[in-house]
Amino acid sequence: MLVRYFAAARAAAGTDAETLTLPRPTTRGEIQALLIDAHPHPVPGQPPLAQVLTRSSYLLDGVACPDPDTTIPDEAVLDVLPPFSGG
C-alpha cells in the first residue's frame, strides 16, 4: 500500500510517500502504529511524526477515513493530511 504525506506530515516523516507491504488485513490504526515505529526519531526541526499523525485526517483512496478500525486493503492509497489553516 502507498502512504502519502502532505504539509507538516511530509516534513515530520522526511518523505513525500512510502510503500508498505501488509502481511494481512490491517486497520488504519495499525498502520498509524507501524508508521510511528518506522519513524521513531524526529526530523531535525520538526515535531515527531507520532504527534502529527494523532492530529491528522486520513483519506483512503480519496475518501475520508476517520475510523481507525477501518481495514485497509494492500493496494490502497492512504493520504495523511495534518491540520492546516488558510484556503
PDB file of N, CA and C in Angstrom:
ATOM      1  N   MET A   1       0.834  -1.166   0.000  1.00  0.00           N
ATOM      2  CA  MET A   1       0.000   0.000   0.000  1.00  0.00           C
ATOM      3  C   MET A   1       0.880   1.231   0.000  1.00  0.00           C
ATOM      4  N   LEU A   2       0.334   2.310  -0.468  1.00  0.00           N
ATOM      5  CA  LEU A   2       1.077   3.564  -0.562  1.00  0.00           C
ATOM      6  C   LEU A   2       0.548   4.544   0.482  1.00  0.00           C
ATOM      7  N   VAL A   3       1.451   5.113   1.262  1.00  0.00           N
ATOM      8  CA  VAL A   3       1.119   6.174   2.208  1.00  0.00           C
ATOM      9  C   VAL A   3       1.713   7.462   1.660  1.00  0.00           C
ATOM     10  N   ARG A   4       0.871   8.473   1.487  1.00  0.00           N
ATOM     11  CA  ARG A   4       1.344   9.773   1.004  1.00  0.00           C
ATOM     12  C   ARG A   4       1.180  10.788   2.123  1.00  0.00           C
ATOM     13  N   TYR A   5       2.236  11.569   2.336  1.00  0.00           N
ATOM     14  CA  TYR A   5       2.250  12.587   3.387  1.00  0.00           C
ATOM     15  C   TYR A   5       2.122  13.973   2.779  1.00  0.00           C
ATOM     16  N   PHE A   6       1.388  14.841   3.449  1.00  0.00           N
ATOM     17  CA  PHE A   6       1.199  16.209   2.981  1.00  0.00           C
ATOM     18  C   PHE A   6       1.580  17.192   4.089  1.00  0.00           C
ATOM     19  N   ALA A   7       2.074  18.362   3.674  1.00  0.00           N
ATOM     20  CA  ALA A   7       2.382  19.502   4.554  1.00  0.00           C
ATOM     21  C   ALA A   7       3.241  19.072   5.748  1.00  0.00           C
ATOM     22  N   ALA A   8       2.782  19.332   6.975  1.00  0.00           N
ATOM     23  CA  ALA A   8       3.570  19.038   8.173  1.00  0.00           C
ATOM     24  C   ALA A   8       3.862  17.548   8.323  1.00  0.00           C
ATOM     25  N   ALA A   9       2.984  16.698   7.830  1.00  0.00           N
ATOM     26  CA  ALA A   9       3.248  15.257   7.891  1.00  0.00           C
ATOM     27  C   ALA A   9       4.438  14.895   7.006  1.00  0.00           C
ATOM     28  N   ARG A  10       4.530  15.528   5.838  1.00  0.00           N
ATOM     29  CA  ARG A  10       5.669  15.309   4.947  1.00  0.00           C
ATOM     30  C   ARG A  10       6.957  15.741   5.635  1.00  0.00           C
ATOM     31  N   ALA A  11       6.920  16.892   6.272  1.00  0.00           N
ATOM     32  CA  ALA A  11       8.117  17.389   6.955  1.00  0.00           C
ATOM     33  C   ALA A  11       8.504  16.470   8.110  1.00  0.00           C
ATOM     34  N   ALA A  12       7.531  16.018   8.884  1.00  0.00           N
ATOM     35  CA  ALA A  12       7.820  15.165  10.040  1.00  0.00           C
ATOM     36  C   ALA A  12       8.313  13.782   9.622  1.00  0.00           C
ATOM     37  N   ALA A  13       7.775  13.250   8.522  1.00  0.00           N
ATOM     38  CA  ALA A  13       8.205  11.933   8.042  1.00  0.00           C
ATOM     39  C   ALA A  13       9.529  12.004   7.282  1.00  0.00           C
ATOM     40  N   GLY A  14       9.837  13.190   6.743  1.00  0.00           N
ATOM     41  CA  GLY A  14      11.055  13.341   5.961  1.00  0.00           C
ATOM     42  C   GLY A  14      10.941  12.743   4.568  1.00  0.00           C
ATOM     43  N   THR A  15       9.715  12.525   4.119  1.00  0.00           N
ATOM     44  CA  THR A  15       9.483  11.954   2.790  1.00  0.00           C
ATOM     45  C   THR A  15       8.085  12.320   2.314  1.00  0.00           C
ATOM     46  N   ASP A  16       7.891  12.281   1.005  1.00  0.00           N
ATOM     47  CA  ASP A  16       6.573  12.540   0.427  1.00  0.00           C
ATOM     48  C   ASP A  16       5.658  11.326   0.539  1.00  0.00           C
ATOM     49  N   ALA A  17       6.253  10.147   0.454  1.00  0.00           N
ATOM     50  CA  ALA A  17       5.464   8.920   0.409  1.00  0.00           C
ATOM     51  C   ALA A  17       6.336   7.728   0.777  1.00  0.00           C
ATOM     52  N   GLU A  18       5.672   6.641   1.139  1.00  0.00           N
ATOM     53  CA  GLU A  18       6.369   5.383   1.343  1.00  0.00           C
ATOM     54  C   GLU A  18       5.413   4.235   1.073  1.00  0.00           C
ATOM     55  N   THR A  19       5.988   3.113   0.685  1.00  0.00           N
ATOM     56  CA  THR A  19       5.213   1.929   0.372  1.00  0.00           C
ATOM     57  C   THR A  19       5.350   0.934   1.514  1.00  0.00           C
ATOM     58  N   LEU A  20       4.212   0.402   1.941  1.00  0.00           N
ATOM     59  CA  LEU A  20       4.193  -0.625   2.979  1.00  0.00           C
ATOM     60  C   LEU A  20       3.659  -1.913   2.380  1.00  0.00           C
ATOM     61  N   THR A  21       4.243  -3.030   2.781  1.00  0.00           N
ATOM     62  CA  THR A  21       3.713  -4.337   2.423  1.00  0.00           C
ATOM     63  C   THR A  21       2.982  -4.868   3.641  1.00  0.00           C
ATOM     64  N   LEU A  22       1.697  -5.098   3.475  1.00  0.00           N
ATOM     65  CA  LEU A  22       0.871  -5.550   4.593  1.00  0.00           C
ATOM     66  C   LEU A  22       0.752  -7.068   4.555  1.00  0.00           C
ATOM     67  N   PRO A  23       1.173  -7.755   5.616  1.00  0.00           N
ATOM     68  CA  PRO A  23       1.159  -9.221   5.607  1.00  0.00           C
ATOM     69  C   PRO A  23      -0.241  -9.813   5.795  1.00  0.00           C
ATOM     70  N   ARG A  24      -1.189  -8.979   6.210  1.00  0.00           N
ATOM     71  CA  ARG A  24      -2.548  -9.439   6.485  1.00  0.00           C
ATOM     72  C   ARG A  24      -3.458  -8.223   6.448  1.00  0.00           C
ATOM     73  N   PRO A  25      -4.754  -8.411   6.474  1.00  0.00           N
ATOM     74  CA  PRO A  25      -5.626  -7.230   6.568  1.00  0.00           C
ATOM     75  C   PRO A  25      -5.241  -6.389   7.787  1.00  0.00           C
ATOM     76  N   THR A  26      -5.087  -5.121   7.562  1.00  0.00           N
ATOM     77  CA  THR A  26      -4.570  -4.213   8.585  1.00  0.00           C
ATOM     78  C   THR A  26      -5.496  -3.015   8.696  1.00  0.00           C
ATOM     79  N   THR A  27      -5.707  -2.547   9.921  1.00  0.00           N
ATOM     80  CA  THR A  27      -6.571  -1.384  10.118  1.00  0.00           C
ATOM     81  C   THR A  27      -5.776  -0.096   9.974  1.00  0.00           C
ATOM     82  N   ARG A  28      -6.501   0.994   9.794  1.00  0.00           N
ATOM     83  CA  ARG A  28      -5.842   2.295   9.705  1.00  0.00           C
ATOM     84  C   ARG A  28      -5.066   2.582  10.985  1.00  0.00           C
ATOM     85  N   GLY A  29      -5.612   2.211  12.127  1.00  0.00           N
ATOM     86  CA  GLY A  29      -4.913   2.412  13.395  1.00  0.00           C
ATOM     87  C   GLY A  29      -3.629   1.609  13.488  1.00  0.00           C
ATOM     88  N   GLU A  30      -3.647   0.384  12.973  1.00  0.00           N
ATOM     89  CA  GLU A  30      -2.427  -0.433  12.970  1.00  0.00           C
ATOM     90  C   GLU A  30      -1.383   0.163  12.041  1.00  0.00           C
ATOM     91  N   ILE A  31      -1.825   0.696  10.919  1.00  0.00           N
ATOM     92  CA  ILE A  31      -0.887   1.347  10.005  1.00  0.00           C
ATOM     93  C   ILE A  31      -0.283   2.574  10.662  1.00  0.00           C
ATOM     94  N   GLN A  32      -1.090   3.344  11.366  1.00  0.00           N
ATOM     95  CA  GLN A  32      -0.576   4.500  12.099  1.00  0.00           C
ATOM     96  C   GLN A  32       0.508   4.055  13.078  1.00  0.00           C
ATOM     97  N   ALA A  33       0.287   2.965  13.798  1.00  0.00           N
ATOM     98  CA  ALA A  33       1.290   2.450  14.736  1.00  0.00           C
ATOM     99  C   ALA A  33       2.553   2.000  13.999  1.00  0.00           C
ATOM    100  N   LEU A  34       2.388   1.356  12.829  1.00  0.00           N
ATOM    101  CA  LEU A  34       3.555   0.944  12.031  1.00  0.00           C
ATOM    102  C   LEU A  34       4.380   2.154  11.598  1.00  0.00           C
ATOM    103  N   LEU A  35       3.696   3.223  11.193  1.00  0.00           N
ATOM    104  CA  LEU A  35       4.397   4.429  10.756  1.00  0.00           C
ATOM    105  C   LEU A  35       5.139   5.079  11.917  1.00  0.00           C
ATOM    106  N   ILE A  36       4.531   5.095  13.084  1.00  0.00           N
ATOM    107  CA  ILE A  36       5.194   5.655  14.268  1.00  0.00           C
ATOM    108  C   ILE A  36       6.444   4.847  14.593  1.00  0.00           C
ATOM    109  N   ASP A  37       6.338   3.513  14.530  1.00  0.00           N
ATOM    110  CA  ASP A  37       7.500   2.655  14.793  1.00  0.00           C
ATOM    111  C   ASP A  37       8.586   2.831  13.739  1.00  0.00           C
ATOM    112  N   ALA A  38       8.181   3.093  12.497  1.00  0.00           N
ATOM    113  CA  ALA A  38       9.151   3.242  11.401  1.00  0.00           C
ATOM    114  C   ALA A  38       9.891   4.576  11.455  1.00  0.00           C
ATOM    115  N   HIS A  39       9.324   5.550  12.161  1.00  0.00           N
ATOM    116  CA  HIS A  39       9.916   6.895  12.244  1.00  0.00           C
ATOM    117  C   HIS A  39      10.015   7.323  13.712  1.00  0.00           C
ATOM    118  N   PRO A  40      10.848   6.612  14.501  1.00  0.00           N
ATOM    119  CA  PRO A  40      10.888   6.893  15.935  1.00  0.00           C
ATOM    120  C   PRO A  40      11.593   8.208  16.304  1.00  0.00           C
ATOM    121  N   HIS A  41      12.449   8.695  15.414  1.00  0.00           N
ATOM    122  CA  HIS A  41      13.216   9.904  15.725  1.00  0.00           C
ATOM    123  C   HIS A  41      12.754  11.051  14.841  1.00  0.00           C
ATOM    124  N   PRO A  42      12.483  12.207  15.445  1.00  0.00           N
ATOM    125  CA  PRO A  42      12.017  13.336  14.639  1.00  0.00           C
ATOM    126  C   PRO A  42      13.086  13.831  13.673  1.00  0.00           C
ATOM    127  N   VAL A  43      12.616  14.319  12.544  1.00  0.00           N
ATOM    128  CA  VAL A  43      13.490  15.024  11.609  1.00  0.00           C
ATOM    129  C   VAL A  43      13.916  16.312  12.315  1.00  0.00           C
ATOM    130  N   PRO A  44      15.193  16.694  12.263  1.00  0.00           N
ATOM    131  CA  PRO A  44      15.622  17.911  12.948  1.00  0.00           C
ATOM    132  C   PRO A  44      14.741  19.119  12.589  1.00  0.00           C
ATOM    133  N   GLY A  45      14.286  19.802  13.630  1.00  0.00           N
ATOM    134  CA  GLY A  45      13.464  20.990  13.451  1.00  0.00           C
ATOM    135  C   GLY A  45      11.989  20.702  13.239  1.00  0.00           C
ATOM    136  N   GLN A  46      11.594  19.423  13.276  1.00  0.00           N
ATOM    137  CA  GLN A  46      10.198  19.042  13.053  1.00  0.00           C
ATOM    138  C   GLN A  46       9.641  18.326  14.286  1.00  0.00           C
ATOM    139  N   PRO A  47       8.324  18.352  14.455  1.00  0.00           N
ATOM    140  CA  PRO A  47       7.741  17.575  15.552  1.00  0.00           C
ATOM    141  C   PRO A  47       7.831  16.087  15.222  1.00  0.00           C
ATOM    142  N   PRO A  48       7.746  15.233  16.221  1.00  0.00           N
ATOM    143  CA  PRO A  48       7.748  13.796  15.950  1.00  0.00           C
ATOM    144  C   PRO A  48       6.560  13.415  15.066  1.00  0.00           C
ATOM    145  N   LEU A  49       6.760  12.454  14.178  1.00  0.00           N
ATOM    146  CA  LEU A  49       5.684  12.016  13.310  1.00  0.00           C
ATOM    147  C   LEU A  49       4.502  11.518  14.132  1.00  0.00           C
ATOM    148  N   ALA A  50       4.757  10.861  15.239  1.00  0.00           N
ATOM    149  CA  ALA A  50       3.665  10.364  16.094  1.00  0.00           C
ATOM    150  C   ALA A  50       2.734  11.500  16.500  1.00  0.00           C
ATOM    151  N   GLN A  51       3.298  12.628  16.841  1.00  0.00           N
ATOM    152  CA  GLN A  51       2.500  13.794  17.242  1.00  0.00           C
ATOM    153  C   GLN A  51       1.646  14.299  16.075  1.00  0.00           C
ATOM    154  N   VAL A  52       2.220  14.341  14.894  1.00  0.00           N
ATOM    155  CA  VAL A  52       1.495  14.819  13.712  1.00  0.00           C
ATOM    156  C   VAL A  52       0.388  13.829  13.332  1.00  0.00           C
ATOM    157  N   LEU A  53       0.687  12.530  13.374  1.00  0.00           N
ATOM    158  CA  LEU A  53      -0.297  11.528  12.970  1.00  0.00           C
ATOM    159  C   LEU A  53      -1.537  11.543  13.856  1.00  0.00           C
ATOM    160  N   THR A  54      -1.358  11.794  15.142  1.00  0.00           N
ATOM    161  CA  THR A  54      -2.515  11.781  16.039  1.00  0.00           C
ATOM    162  C   THR A  54      -3.458  12.951  15.777  1.00  0.00           C
ATOM    163  N   ARG A  55      -2.969  14.011  15.144  1.00  0.00           N
ATOM    164  CA  ARG A  55      -3.800  15.183  14.840  1.00  0.00           C
ATOM    165  C   ARG A  55      -4.296  15.191  13.397  1.00  0.00           C
ATOM    166  N   SER A  56      -3.853  14.241  12.611  1.00  0.00           N
ATOM    167  CA  SER A  56      -4.116  14.262  11.170  1.00  0.00           C
ATOM    168  C   SER A  56      -5.463  13.647  10.802  1.00  0.00           C
ATOM    169  N   SER A  57      -5.910  14.017   9.608  1.00  0.00           N
ATOM    170  CA  SER A  57      -7.044  13.361   8.956  1.00  0.00           C
ATOM    171  C   SER A  57      -6.472  12.418   7.913  1.00  0.00           C
ATOM    172  N   TYR A  58      -7.274  11.427   7.543  1.00  0.00           N
ATOM    173  CA  TYR A  58      -6.810  10.418   6.595  1.00  0.00           C
ATOM    174  C   TYR A  58      -7.818  10.274   5.466  1.00  0.00           C
ATOM    175  N   LEU A  59      -7.291  10.071   4.274  1.00  0.00           N
ATOM    176  CA  LEU A  59      -8.110   9.746   3.116  1.00  0.00           C
ATOM    177  C   LEU A  59      -7.695   8.365   2.629  1.00  0.00           C
ATOM    178  N   LEU A  60      -8.659   7.480   2.442  1.00  0.00           N
ATOM    179  CA  LEU A  60      -8.414   6.149   1.923  1.00  0.00           C
ATOM    180  C   LEU A  60      -8.922   6.130   0.492  1.00  0.00           C
ATOM    181  N   ASP A  61      -8.006   6.041  -0.454  1.00  0.00           N
ATOM    182  CA  ASP A  61      -8.360   6.095  -1.876  1.00  0.00           C
ATOM    183  C   ASP A  61      -9.250   7.299  -2.172  1.00  0.00           C
ATOM    184  N   GLY A  62      -8.907   8.444  -1.580  1.00  0.00           N
ATOM    185  CA  GLY A  62      -9.594   9.696  -1.848  1.00  0.00           C
ATOM    186  C   GLY A  62     -10.849   9.947  -1.043  1.00  0.00           C
ATOM    187  N   VAL A  63     -11.206   9.047  -0.132  1.00  0.00           N
ATOM    188  CA  VAL A  63     -12.422   9.188   0.675  1.00  0.00           C
ATOM    189  C   VAL A  63     -12.023   9.290   2.148  1.00  0.00           C
ATOM    190  N   ALA A  64     -12.675  10.191   2.882  1.00  0.00           N
ATOM    191  CA  ALA A  64     -12.363  10.373   4.302  1.00  0.00           C
ATOM    192  C   ALA A  64     -12.409   9.030   5.037  1.00  0.00           C
ATOM    193  N   CYS A  65     -11.429   8.840   5.905  1.00  0.00           N
ATOM    194  CA  CYS A  65     -11.305   7.594   6.670  1.00  0.00           C
ATOM    195  C   CYS A  65     -11.067   7.943   8.140  1.00  0.00           C
ATOM    196  N   PRO A  66     -12.119   8.400   8.849  1.00  0.00           N
ATOM    197  CA  PRO A  66     -11.936   8.824  10.231  1.00  0.00           C
ATOM    198  C   PRO A  66     -11.835   7.679  11.241  1.00  0.00           C
ATOM    199  N   ASP A  67     -12.297   6.491  10.879  1.00  0.00           N
ATOM    200  CA  ASP A  67     -12.350   5.368  11.819  1.00  0.00           C
ATOM    201  C   ASP A  67     -11.043   4.582  11.807  1.00  0.00           C
ATOM    202  N   PRO A  68     -10.314   4.550  12.935  1.00  0.00           N
ATOM    203  CA  PRO A  68      -9.056   3.803  12.969  1.00  0.00           C
ATOM    204  C   PRO A  68      -9.241   2.291  12.836  1.00  0.00           C
ATOM    205  N   ASP A  69     -10.483   1.805  12.955  1.00  0.00           N
ATOM    206  CA  ASP A  69     -10.738   0.367  12.807  1.00  0.00           C
ATOM    207  C   ASP A  69     -11.051  -0.039  11.371  1.00  0.00           C
ATOM    208  N   THR A  70     -10.997   0.914  10.431  1.00  0.00           N
ATOM    209  CA  THR A  70     -11.229   0.607   9.022  1.00  0.00           C
ATOM    210  C   THR A  70     -10.112  -0.279   8.496  1.00  0.00           C
ATOM    211  N   THR A  71     -10.480  -1.366   7.829  1.00  0.00           N
ATOM    212  CA  THR A  71      -9.486  -2.259   7.221  1.00  0.00           C
ATOM    213  C   THR A  71      -8.970  -1.629   5.932  1.00  0.00           C
ATOM    214  N   ILE A  72      -7.660  -1.645   5.776  1.00  0.00           N
ATOM    215  CA  ILE A  72      -7.004  -1.037   4.624  1.00  0.00           C
ATOM    216  C   ILE A  72      -6.511  -2.146   3.698  1.00  0.00           C
ATOM    217  N   PRO A  73      -6.988  -2.171   2.451  1.00  0.00           N
ATOM    218  CA  PRO A  73      -6.500  -3.183   1.506  1.00  0.00           C
ATOM    219  C   PRO A  73      -5.035  -2.927   1.142  1.00  0.00           C
ATOM    220  N   ASP A  74      -4.344  -3.982   0.760  1.00  0.00           N
ATOM    221  CA  ASP A  74      -2.920  -3.884   0.437  1.00  0.00           C
ATOM    222  C   ASP A  74      -2.655  -2.959  -0.750  1.00  0.00           C
ATOM    223  N   GLU A  75      -3.595  -2.830  -1.667  1.00  0.00           N
ATOM    224  CA  GLU A  75      -3.379  -1.996  -2.862  1.00  0.00           C
ATOM    225  C   GLU A  75      -3.862  -0.561  -2.673  1.00  0.00           C
ATOM    226  N   ALA A  76      -4.229  -0.183  -1.476  1.00  0.00           N
ATOM    227  CA  ALA A  76      -4.817   1.137  -1.204  1.00  0.00           C
ATOM    228  C   ALA A  76      -3.784   2.256  -1.196  1.00  0.00           C
ATOM    229  N   VAL A  77      -4.309   3.476  -1.298  1.00  0.00           N
ATOM    230  CA  VAL A  77      -3.531   4.695  -1.090  1.00  0.00           C
ATOM    231  C   VAL A  77      -4.121   5.390   0.130  1.00  0.00           C
ATOM    232  N   LEU A  78      -3.283   5.651   1.114  1.00  0.00           N
ATOM    233  CA  LEU A  78      -3.704   6.326   2.338  1.00  0.00           C
ATOM    234  C   LEU A  78      -2.985   7.667   2.404  1.00  0.00           C
ATOM    235  N   ASP A  79      -3.751   8.757   2.368  1.00  0.00           N
ATOM    236  CA  ASP A  79      -3.183  10.097   2.449  1.00  0.00           C
ATOM    237  C   ASP A  79      -3.263  10.578   3.888  1.00  0.00           C
ATOM    238  N   VAL A  80      -2.179  11.199   4.361  1.00  0.00           N
ATOM    239  CA  VAL A  80      -2.112  11.759   5.709  1.00  0.00           C
ATOM    240  C   VAL A  80      -2.142  13.267   5.576  1.00  0.00           C
ATOM    241  N   LEU A  81      -3.196  13.887   6.107  1.00  0.00           N
ATOM    242  CA  LEU A  81      -3.417  15.318   5.984  1.00  0.00           C
ATOM    243  C   LEU A  81      -3.437  15.968   7.361  1.00  0.00           C
ATOM    244  N   PRO A  82      -2.360  16.633   7.746  1.00  0.00           N
ATOM    245  CA  PRO A  82      -2.345  17.285   9.046  1.00  0.00           C
ATOM    246  C   PRO A  82      -3.257  18.520   9.027  1.00  0.00           C
ATOM    247  N   PRO A  83      -3.644  19.007  10.196  1.00  0.00           N
ATOM    248  CA  PRO A  83      -4.455  20.216  10.218  1.00  0.00           C
ATOM    249  C   PRO A  83      -3.684  21.385   9.610  1.00  0.00           C
ATOM    250  N   PHE A  84      -4.382  22.227   8.903  1.00  0.00           N
ATOM    251  CA  PHE A  84      -3.754  23.410   8.334  1.00  0.00           C
ATOM    252  C   PHE A  84      -4.809  24.505   8.264  1.00  0.00           C
ATOM    253  N   SER A  85      -4.366  25.730   8.120  1.00  0.00           N
ATOM    254  CA  SER A  85      -5.312  26.850   8.038  1.00  0.00           C
ATOM    255  C   SER A  85      -5.083  27.584   6.728  1.00  0.00           C
ATOM    256  N   GLY A  86      -5.986  28.458   6.426  1.00  0.00           N
ATOM    257  CA  GLY A  86      -5.894  29.193   5.171  1.00  0.00           C
ATOM    258  C   GLY A  86      -6.917  28.647   4.198  1.00  0.00           C
ATOM    259  N   GLY A  87      -6.725  28.770   2.937  1.00  0.00           N
ATOM    260  CA  GLY A  87      -7.582  28.357   1.860  1.00  0.00           C
ATOM    261  C   GLY A  87      -8.433  27.219   2.111  1.00  0.00           C
TER     262      GLY A  87
END
